[in-house]
Amino acid sequence: MSLKKAYLVAIIVLLIDQISKIYIKTNFKLHEAIEVLGLDWFQINFIENEGMAWGATIPGSYGKLILTLFRIIAVIAIGWWLKDSVKRGYSSYLIFSIALILAGAFGNILDSVFYGVIFNESTASQVATLFADEHYGTFFHGKVVDMFYFPLWRGTLPSWLPIWGGEEFLFFNAVFNVADAAISIGVAILILFNKKAFAKPQ
């Protein structure tokens, strides 16, 4: 795969990610949820994430800034990895995966860097406005928009299971966005097609 095609993949994923986030942010109240096609296991559920994956955060007043700067450094490194992989003639599996990871990482960076200064606050009673006069944050302190929710199974685990036996369990309880999905798919391709992805260039 050429570098031009890899960048095209990344740009398309990034556009889908940002369009979906802006639509959700400007049409849904915070924690508003709807079922897609009447399916209780496929929902749009608008939440905002101030930290890393799974809602983790870096403690301290500069935690958010440190996280955002780390993401920017990571994107620069991934971009170099993509360009170097194309230059060295690595497989399309590897290049496509890196393009997905790059787009996903960059998509969440845009939220963190810019959303705080282009939106007002999303609340349970208020839908946010794009380019609002009163924004909710500052540069590098925006919140990441998440919306896809797949609660596929909810039930009680068998009592014979160690540690968690008899407890209520929900699979899958994460809420994520297109950028998160792109990163996950990219990593999954690298794992499932490891030999093809990292095969030595001809």
Protein backbone atom coordinates (compact mmCIF):
# COMPACT_ATOMS: atom_id res chain seq x y z
CA MET A 1 0.00 0.00 0.00
CA SER A 2 1.31 3.43 -0.93
CA LEU A 3 1.67 6.30 1.51
CA LYS A 4 -1.00 8.24 -0.40
CA LYS A 5 -3.52 5.41 0.06
CA ALA A 6 -2.59 5.05 3.73
CA TYR A 7 -3.18 8.77 4.30
CA LEU A 8 -6.51 8.48 2.44
CA VAL A 9 -7.62 5.70 4.80
CA ALA A 10 -6.59 7.79 7.81
CA ILE A 11 -8.37 10.91 6.52
CA ILE A 12 -11.62 9.03 5.79
CA VAL A 13 -11.65 7.45 9.27
CA LEU A 14 -10.83 10.82 10.84
CA LEU A 15 -13.68 12.57 8.98
CA ILE A 16 -16.20 9.88 10.01
CA ASP A 17 -14.98 10.15 13.59
CA GLN A 18 -15.26 13.94 13.79
CA ILE A 19 -18.58 14.19 11.92
CA SER A 20 -20.14 11.58 14.23
CA LYS A 21 -18.81 13.31 17.35
CA ILE A 22 -19.97 16.77 16.30
CA TYR A 23 -23.40 15.38 15.38
CA ILE A 24 -23.79 13.64 18.75
CA LYS A 25 -22.47 16.64 20.68
CA THR A 26 -24.89 19.05 18.97
CA ASN A 27 -27.96 16.79 18.95
CA PHE A 28 -27.82 14.80 22.21
CA LYS A 29 -27.97 15.83 25.83
CA LEU A 30 -25.32 14.35 28.10
CA HIS A 31 -26.17 10.71 29.00
CA GLU A 32 -29.05 10.68 26.51
CA ALA A 33 -29.40 7.24 24.95
CA ILE A 34 -31.42 5.74 22.11
CA GLU A 35 -31.76 2.20 20.79
CA VAL A 36 -30.65 1.73 17.17
CA LEU A 37 -33.26 -0.08 15.06
CA GLY A 38 -35.09 -0.95 18.29
CA LEU A 39 -32.24 -3.20 19.43
CA ASP A 40 -31.54 -3.03 23.15
CA TRP A 41 -27.98 -4.32 22.58
CA PHE A 42 -27.05 -1.56 20.10
CA GLN A 43 -27.38 1.93 21.52
CA ILE A 44 -26.19 5.47 20.98
CA ASN A 45 -25.33 6.66 24.47
CA PHE A 46 -23.66 10.08 24.69
CA ILE A 47 -21.00 10.42 27.36
CA GLU A 48 -17.79 12.43 27.63
CA ASN A 49 -14.45 11.05 28.71
CA GLU A 50 -11.85 13.30 30.32
CA GLY A 51 -9.11 10.70 30.51
CA MET A 52 -7.62 7.70 28.76
CA ALA A 53 -9.33 4.54 27.62
CA TRP A 54 -11.97 3.13 29.99
CA GLY A 55 -12.24 6.52 31.71
CA ALA A 56 -8.84 6.30 33.44
CA THR A 57 -7.21 9.63 34.28
CA ILE A 58 -3.85 11.02 35.30
CA PRO A 59 -4.29 12.63 38.74
CA GLY A 60 -3.29 16.21 39.46
CA SER A 61 -4.11 19.62 38.00
CA TYR A 62 -1.81 19.02 35.02
CA GLY A 63 -2.96 15.44 34.38
CA LYS A 64 -5.14 16.29 31.40
CA LEU A 65 -2.41 18.44 29.80
CA ILE A 66 0.19 15.70 30.30
CA LEU A 67 -2.16 13.14 28.73
CA THR A 68 -2.85 15.34 25.69
CA LEU A 69 0.84 16.11 25.15
CA PHE A 70 1.62 12.39 25.44
CA ARG A 71 -1.02 11.67 22.78
CA ILE A 72 0.51 14.27 20.45
CA ILE A 73 3.98 12.73 20.84
CA ALA A 74 2.46 9.28 20.23
CA VAL A 75 0.76 10.47 17.01
CA ILE A 76 4.05 11.93 15.74
CA ALA A 77 5.75 8.60 16.45
CA ILE A 78 2.95 6.62 14.74
CA GLY A 79 3.11 8.94 11.73
CA TRP A 80 6.85 8.32 11.44
CA TRP A 81 6.23 4.56 11.79
CA LEU A 82 3.72 4.69 8.93
CA LYS A 83 6.02 6.62 6.62
CA ASP A 84 9.00 4.39 7.44
CA SER A 85 6.96 1.19 6.92
CA VAL A 86 5.86 2.35 3.46
CA LYS A 87 9.43 3.39 2.59
CA ARG A 88 10.77 -0.03 3.63
CA GLY A 89 8.08 -1.86 1.65
CA TYR A 90 6.26 -3.60 4.49
CA SER A 91 2.97 -5.41 3.90
CA SER A 92 -0.39 -3.73 3.36
CA TYR A 93 -1.60 -5.42 6.57
CA LEU A 94 0.91 -3.42 8.61
CA ILE A 95 0.44 -0.15 6.73
CA PHE A 96 -3.38 -0.35 6.85
CA SER A 97 -3.27 -1.11 10.59
CA ILE A 98 -0.93 1.80 11.32
CA ALA A 99 -3.17 4.13 9.27
CA LEU A 100 -6.18 3.10 11.41
CA ILE A 101 -4.25 3.58 14.65
CA LEU A 102 -2.96 6.96 13.48
CA ALA A 103 -6.45 8.16 12.56
CA GLY A 104 -7.90 6.97 15.86
CA ALA A 105 -5.21 8.57 17.98
CA PHE A 106 -5.43 11.84 16.04
CA GLY A 107 -9.23 11.86 16.27
CA ASN A 108 -9.20 11.77 20.06
CA ILE A 109 -6.45 14.39 20.15
CA LEU A 110 -8.70 16.81 18.25
CA ASP A 111 -11.34 16.43 20.99
CA SER A 112 -8.80 17.03 23.73
CA VAL A 113 -7.14 20.02 22.09
CA PHE A 114 -10.06 21.90 20.50
CA TYR A 115 -13.46 20.81 21.84
CA GLY A 116 -13.09 22.81 25.04
CA VAL A 117 -12.90 26.07 23.06
CA ILE A 118 -15.44 25.41 20.29
CA PHE A 119 -18.34 23.96 22.32
CA ASN A 120 -20.29 25.08 25.35
CA GLU A 121 -21.08 22.59 28.11
CA SER A 122 -23.12 19.46 27.42
CA THR A 123 -25.47 18.72 30.32
CA ALA A 124 -28.46 16.51 31.06
CA SER A 125 -30.70 19.46 30.19
CA GLN A 126 -28.70 21.21 27.46
CA VAL A 127 -27.47 20.25 23.99
CA ALA A 128 -24.10 21.81 23.19
CA THR A 129 -23.63 24.46 20.49
CA LEU A 130 -20.75 24.44 18.02
CA PHE A 131 -18.68 27.66 18.10
CA ALA A 132 -20.54 28.83 21.18
CA ASP A 133 -19.81 32.26 22.68
CA GLU A 134 -19.16 30.69 26.07
CA HIS A 135 -16.98 27.62 25.71
CA TYR A 136 -16.66 25.01 28.45
CA GLY A 137 -12.89 24.68 28.66
CA THR A 138 -9.52 25.77 27.32
CA PHE A 139 -7.08 24.50 24.70
CA PHE A 140 -5.72 21.03 25.58
CA HIS A 141 -8.50 20.48 28.16
CA GLY A 142 -11.38 19.29 25.99
CA LYS A 143 -13.44 16.16 26.66
CA VAL A 144 -13.50 13.17 24.32
CA VAL A 145 -16.95 12.35 22.94
CA ASP A 146 -18.07 8.70 23.15
CA MET A 147 -21.33 7.28 21.88
CA PHE A 148 -21.40 3.61 20.80
CA TYR A 149 -22.71 1.20 23.43
CA PHE A 150 -23.21 -2.55 22.96
CA PRO A 151 -24.64 -4.15 26.13
CA LEU A 152 -24.74 -7.59 24.52
CA TRP A 153 -25.46 -9.66 27.62
CA ARG A 154 -26.52 -8.91 31.16
CA GLY A 155 -26.96 -11.58 33.78
CA THR A 156 -25.70 -13.32 36.89
CA LEU A 157 -22.49 -15.30 36.68
CA PRO A 158 -22.63 -18.96 37.81
CA SER A 159 -22.01 -19.37 41.52
CA TRP A 160 -19.28 -21.97 40.88
CA LEU A 161 -17.01 -19.40 39.28
CA PRO A 162 -14.17 -18.30 41.59
CA ILE A 163 -14.09 -14.65 42.76
CA TRP A 164 -16.96 -13.38 40.55
CA GLY A 165 -19.44 -16.23 41.04
CA GLY A 166 -23.00 -15.04 41.70
CA GLU A 167 -22.27 -11.41 40.73
CA GLU A 168 -24.16 -9.36 38.16
CA PHE A 169 -22.21 -9.06 34.90
CA LEU A 170 -22.59 -6.91 31.79
CA PHE A 171 -20.85 -7.66 28.51
CA PHE A 172 -19.93 -5.30 26.82
CA ASN A 173 -20.06 -2.25 29.14
CA ALA A 174 -17.64 0.18 27.42
CA VAL A 175 -18.89 3.25 25.53
CA PHE A 176 -16.58 4.20 22.66
CA ASN A 177 -16.26 6.23 19.46
CA VAL A 178 -15.07 5.73 15.87
CA ALA A 179 -11.49 6.68 16.82
CA ASP A 180 -11.44 4.03 19.57
CA ALA A 181 -12.84 1.46 17.15
CA ALA A 182 -10.18 2.32 14.55
CA ILE A 183 -7.38 1.84 17.09
CA SER A 184 -8.88 -1.46 18.29
CA ILE A 185 -9.31 -2.79 14.74
CA GLY A 186 -5.78 -1.74 13.83
CA VAL A 187 -4.32 -3.52 16.86
CA ALA A 188 -6.52 -6.58 16.23
CA ILE A 189 -5.22 -6.87 12.65
CA LEU A 190 -1.64 -6.71 13.92
CA ILE A 191 -2.38 -9.50 16.42
CA LEU A 192 -4.47 -11.78 14.19
CA PHE A 193 -2.32 -11.37 11.08
CA ASN A 194 0.97 -10.95 12.92
CA LYS A 195 3.10 -13.02 10.54
CA LYS A 196 1.76 -11.30 7.43
CA ALA A 197 1.88 -7.82 8.97
CA PHE A 198 5.48 -8.09 10.13
CA ALA A 199 6.81 -10.23 7.30
CA LYS A 200 10.17 -9.02 6.06
CA PRO A 201 9.88 -6.85 2.94
CA GLN A 202 10.76 -8.52 -0.33
